[in-house]
């Protein structure tokens, strides 16, 4: 068993639950957004004008590719 936080089975995740230090993806916020922009990381879902989240399935797929 790894020391990474467990992801929910389904749903949406906000950025603090995805990136370091609490999340499974060991990158900074600026690196994450650069990766979203250039296609290395999944596209977000806009829930409101200032609320962004990512599908758990997309984060699991990213982790399975070995990015994390």
N, C-alpha and C. Protein backbone atom coordinates (compact mmCIF):
# COMPACT_ATOMS: atom_id res chain seq x y z
N UNK A 1 0.84 -1.19 0.00
CA UNK A 1 0.00 0.00 0.00
C UNK A 1 0.88 1.24 0.00
N UNK A 2 0.54 2.24 -0.79
CA UNK A 2 1.34 3.45 -0.87
C UNK A 2 0.90 4.46 0.18
N UNK A 3 1.73 5.49 0.33
CA UNK A 3 1.40 6.53 1.30
C UNK A 3 0.63 7.68 0.65
N UNK A 4 0.16 7.48 -0.59
CA UNK A 4 -0.63 8.48 -1.28
C UNK A 4 -2.05 8.49 -0.74
N UNK A 5 -2.69 9.66 -0.76
CA UNK A 5 -4.08 9.70 -0.32
C UNK A 5 -4.97 8.89 -1.25
N UNK A 6 -5.98 8.30 -0.70
CA UNK A 6 -6.90 7.49 -1.49
C UNK A 6 -7.89 8.41 -2.21
N UNK A 7 -8.10 8.14 -3.49
CA UNK A 7 -9.05 8.93 -4.28
C UNK A 7 -10.44 8.32 -4.14
N UNK A 8 -11.46 9.15 -4.20
CA UNK A 8 -12.82 8.60 -4.18
C UNK A 8 -13.09 7.77 -5.43
N UNK A 9 -14.10 6.94 -5.37
CA UNK A 9 -14.44 6.06 -6.50
C UNK A 9 -14.87 6.86 -7.73
N UNK A 10 -15.59 7.93 -7.52
CA UNK A 10 -16.08 8.77 -8.62
C UNK A 10 -16.30 10.17 -8.09
N UNK A 11 -16.50 11.09 -9.01
CA UNK A 11 -16.80 12.45 -8.60
C UNK A 11 -15.79 13.43 -9.14
N UNK A 12 -15.71 14.57 -8.47
CA UNK A 12 -14.83 15.65 -8.89
C UNK A 12 -13.86 15.99 -7.77
N UNK A 13 -12.67 16.43 -8.16
CA UNK A 13 -11.65 16.83 -7.20
C UNK A 13 -11.23 18.26 -7.46
N UNK A 14 -11.03 19.02 -6.40
CA UNK A 14 -10.46 20.36 -6.52
C UNK A 14 -8.94 20.23 -6.54
N UNK A 15 -8.26 21.25 -6.97
CA UNK A 15 -6.81 21.21 -7.17
C UNK A 15 -6.01 20.82 -5.92
N UNK A 16 -6.32 21.32 -4.71
CA UNK A 16 -5.53 20.92 -3.55
C UNK A 16 -5.54 19.41 -3.28
N UNK A 17 -6.57 18.70 -3.72
CA UNK A 17 -6.63 17.25 -3.53
C UNK A 17 -5.87 16.49 -4.62
N UNK A 18 -5.37 17.22 -5.63
CA UNK A 18 -4.69 16.58 -6.75
C UNK A 18 -3.18 16.75 -6.68
N UNK A 19 -2.72 17.97 -6.40
CA UNK A 19 -1.28 18.25 -6.44
C UNK A 19 -0.65 18.23 -5.05
N UNK A 20 0.68 18.19 -5.04
CA UNK A 20 1.45 18.18 -3.80
C UNK A 20 1.12 19.43 -2.97
N UNK A 21 1.19 19.36 -1.67
CA UNK A 21 1.71 18.28 -0.85
C UNK A 21 0.66 17.24 -0.43
N UNK A 22 -0.64 17.52 -0.59
CA UNK A 22 -1.66 16.58 -0.13
C UNK A 22 -2.11 15.60 -1.20
N UNK A 23 -1.96 15.96 -2.44
CA UNK A 23 -2.46 15.13 -3.52
C UNK A 23 -1.43 14.17 -4.08
N UNK A 24 -1.86 13.29 -4.96
CA UNK A 24 -0.97 12.25 -5.51
C UNK A 24 -0.05 12.72 -6.63
N UNK A 25 -0.29 13.90 -7.19
CA UNK A 25 0.53 14.38 -8.30
C UNK A 25 1.58 15.35 -7.74
N UNK A 26 2.86 15.00 -7.79
CA UNK A 26 3.91 15.80 -7.15
C UNK A 26 4.39 16.98 -7.99
N UNK A 27 3.49 17.91 -8.27
CA UNK A 27 3.87 19.10 -9.03
C UNK A 27 3.31 20.33 -8.33
N UNK A 28 3.85 21.50 -8.69
CA UNK A 28 3.36 22.77 -8.15
C UNK A 28 2.11 23.22 -8.92
N UNK A 29 1.46 24.22 -8.37
CA UNK A 29 0.26 24.76 -9.02
C UNK A 29 0.59 25.32 -10.41
N UNK A 30 1.70 26.04 -10.52
CA UNK A 30 2.06 26.63 -11.82
C UNK A 30 2.41 25.54 -12.84
N UNK A 31 3.09 24.48 -12.41
CA UNK A 31 3.39 23.37 -13.30
C UNK A 31 2.11 22.67 -13.74
N UNK A 32 1.18 22.49 -12.80
CA UNK A 32 -0.10 21.85 -13.13
C UNK A 32 -0.83 22.64 -14.21
N UNK A 33 -0.97 23.96 -14.02
CA UNK A 33 -1.71 24.77 -14.99
C UNK A 33 -1.00 24.83 -16.34
N UNK A 34 0.34 24.82 -16.34
CA UNK A 34 1.07 24.77 -17.61
C UNK A 34 0.80 23.44 -18.31
N UNK A 35 0.73 22.35 -17.55
CA UNK A 35 0.43 21.04 -18.12
C UNK A 35 -0.99 20.94 -18.65
N UNK A 36 -1.93 21.58 -17.98
CA UNK A 36 -3.31 21.62 -18.48
C UNK A 36 -3.34 22.38 -19.80
N UNK A 37 -2.63 23.49 -19.84
CA UNK A 37 -2.61 24.32 -21.05
C UNK A 37 -2.01 23.58 -22.25
N UNK A 38 -0.92 22.84 -22.01
CA UNK A 38 -0.28 22.17 -23.15
C UNK A 38 -0.74 20.73 -23.38
N UNK A 39 -1.71 20.26 -22.59
CA UNK A 39 -2.31 18.95 -22.84
C UNK A 39 -1.70 17.78 -22.08
N UNK A 40 -0.69 18.01 -21.24
CA UNK A 40 -0.10 16.92 -20.46
C UNK A 40 -1.03 16.45 -19.35
N UNK A 41 -1.85 17.35 -18.82
CA UNK A 41 -2.77 17.05 -17.73
C UNK A 41 -4.21 17.25 -18.20
N UNK A 42 -5.17 16.61 -17.54
CA UNK A 42 -6.57 16.67 -17.99
C UNK A 42 -7.16 18.08 -17.93
N UNK A 43 -8.12 18.30 -18.79
CA UNK A 43 -8.84 19.57 -18.79
C UNK A 43 -9.82 19.61 -17.61
N UNK A 44 -9.99 20.78 -17.01
CA UNK A 44 -10.90 20.89 -15.87
C UNK A 44 -12.35 21.02 -16.28
N UNK A 45 -13.21 20.89 -15.28
CA UNK A 45 -14.64 21.14 -15.41
C UNK A 45 -14.92 22.42 -14.64
N UNK A 46 -15.49 23.41 -15.31
CA UNK A 46 -15.83 24.66 -14.63
C UNK A 46 -17.19 24.50 -13.95
N UNK A 47 -17.20 24.68 -12.63
CA UNK A 47 -18.44 24.58 -11.86
C UNK A 47 -19.04 25.94 -11.57
N UNK A 48 -18.28 26.97 -11.77
CA UNK A 48 -18.73 28.34 -11.56
C UNK A 48 -17.66 29.28 -12.07
N UNK A 49 -17.85 30.57 -11.90
CA UNK A 49 -16.88 31.53 -12.44
C UNK A 49 -15.52 31.41 -11.76
N UNK A 50 -15.49 30.94 -10.51
CA UNK A 50 -14.22 30.81 -9.79
C UNK A 50 -14.03 29.42 -9.19
N UNK A 51 -14.76 28.43 -9.69
CA UNK A 51 -14.66 27.07 -9.16
C UNK A 51 -14.32 26.11 -10.29
N UNK A 52 -13.19 25.43 -10.12
CA UNK A 52 -12.71 24.48 -11.11
C UNK A 52 -12.46 23.15 -10.44
N UNK A 53 -12.76 22.06 -11.12
CA UNK A 53 -12.53 20.72 -10.58
C UNK A 53 -12.14 19.79 -11.72
N UNK A 54 -11.67 18.60 -11.35
CA UNK A 54 -11.28 17.60 -12.33
C UNK A 54 -11.99 16.30 -12.01
N UNK A 55 -12.33 15.54 -13.04
CA UNK A 55 -12.97 14.24 -12.86
C UNK A 55 -11.98 13.26 -12.26
N UNK A 56 -12.42 12.51 -11.26
CA UNK A 56 -11.56 11.50 -10.63
C UNK A 56 -11.06 10.52 -11.68
N UNK A 57 -11.91 10.14 -12.62
CA UNK A 57 -11.50 9.19 -13.65
C UNK A 57 -10.31 9.72 -14.45
N UNK A 58 -10.32 11.02 -14.75
CA UNK A 58 -9.21 11.62 -15.51
C UNK A 58 -7.91 11.60 -14.69
N UNK A 59 -8.01 11.84 -13.39
CA UNK A 59 -6.82 11.83 -12.53
C UNK A 59 -6.30 10.39 -12.40
N UNK A 60 -7.19 9.42 -12.25
CA UNK A 60 -6.76 8.02 -12.19
C UNK A 60 -6.04 7.61 -13.49
N UNK A 61 -6.57 8.02 -14.62
CA UNK A 61 -5.97 7.69 -15.91
C UNK A 61 -4.59 8.34 -16.01
N UNK A 62 -4.47 9.57 -15.57
CA UNK A 62 -3.18 10.27 -15.56
C UNK A 62 -2.18 9.51 -14.71
N UNK A 63 -2.59 9.07 -13.54
CA UNK A 63 -1.71 8.32 -12.65
C UNK A 63 -1.32 6.97 -13.25
N UNK A 64 -2.24 6.32 -13.96
CA UNK A 64 -1.95 5.02 -14.56
C UNK A 64 -0.94 5.15 -15.71
N UNK A 65 -0.86 6.32 -16.32
CA UNK A 65 0.13 6.56 -17.38
C UNK A 65 1.52 6.77 -16.80
N UNK A 66 1.61 6.87 -15.47
CA UNK A 66 2.91 7.04 -14.83
C UNK A 66 3.37 8.46 -14.72
N UNK A 67 2.47 9.41 -14.93
CA UNK A 67 2.83 10.82 -14.81
C UNK A 67 3.05 11.18 -13.36
N UNK A 68 2.28 10.55 -12.49
CA UNK A 68 2.35 10.87 -11.06
C UNK A 68 3.38 10.01 -10.38
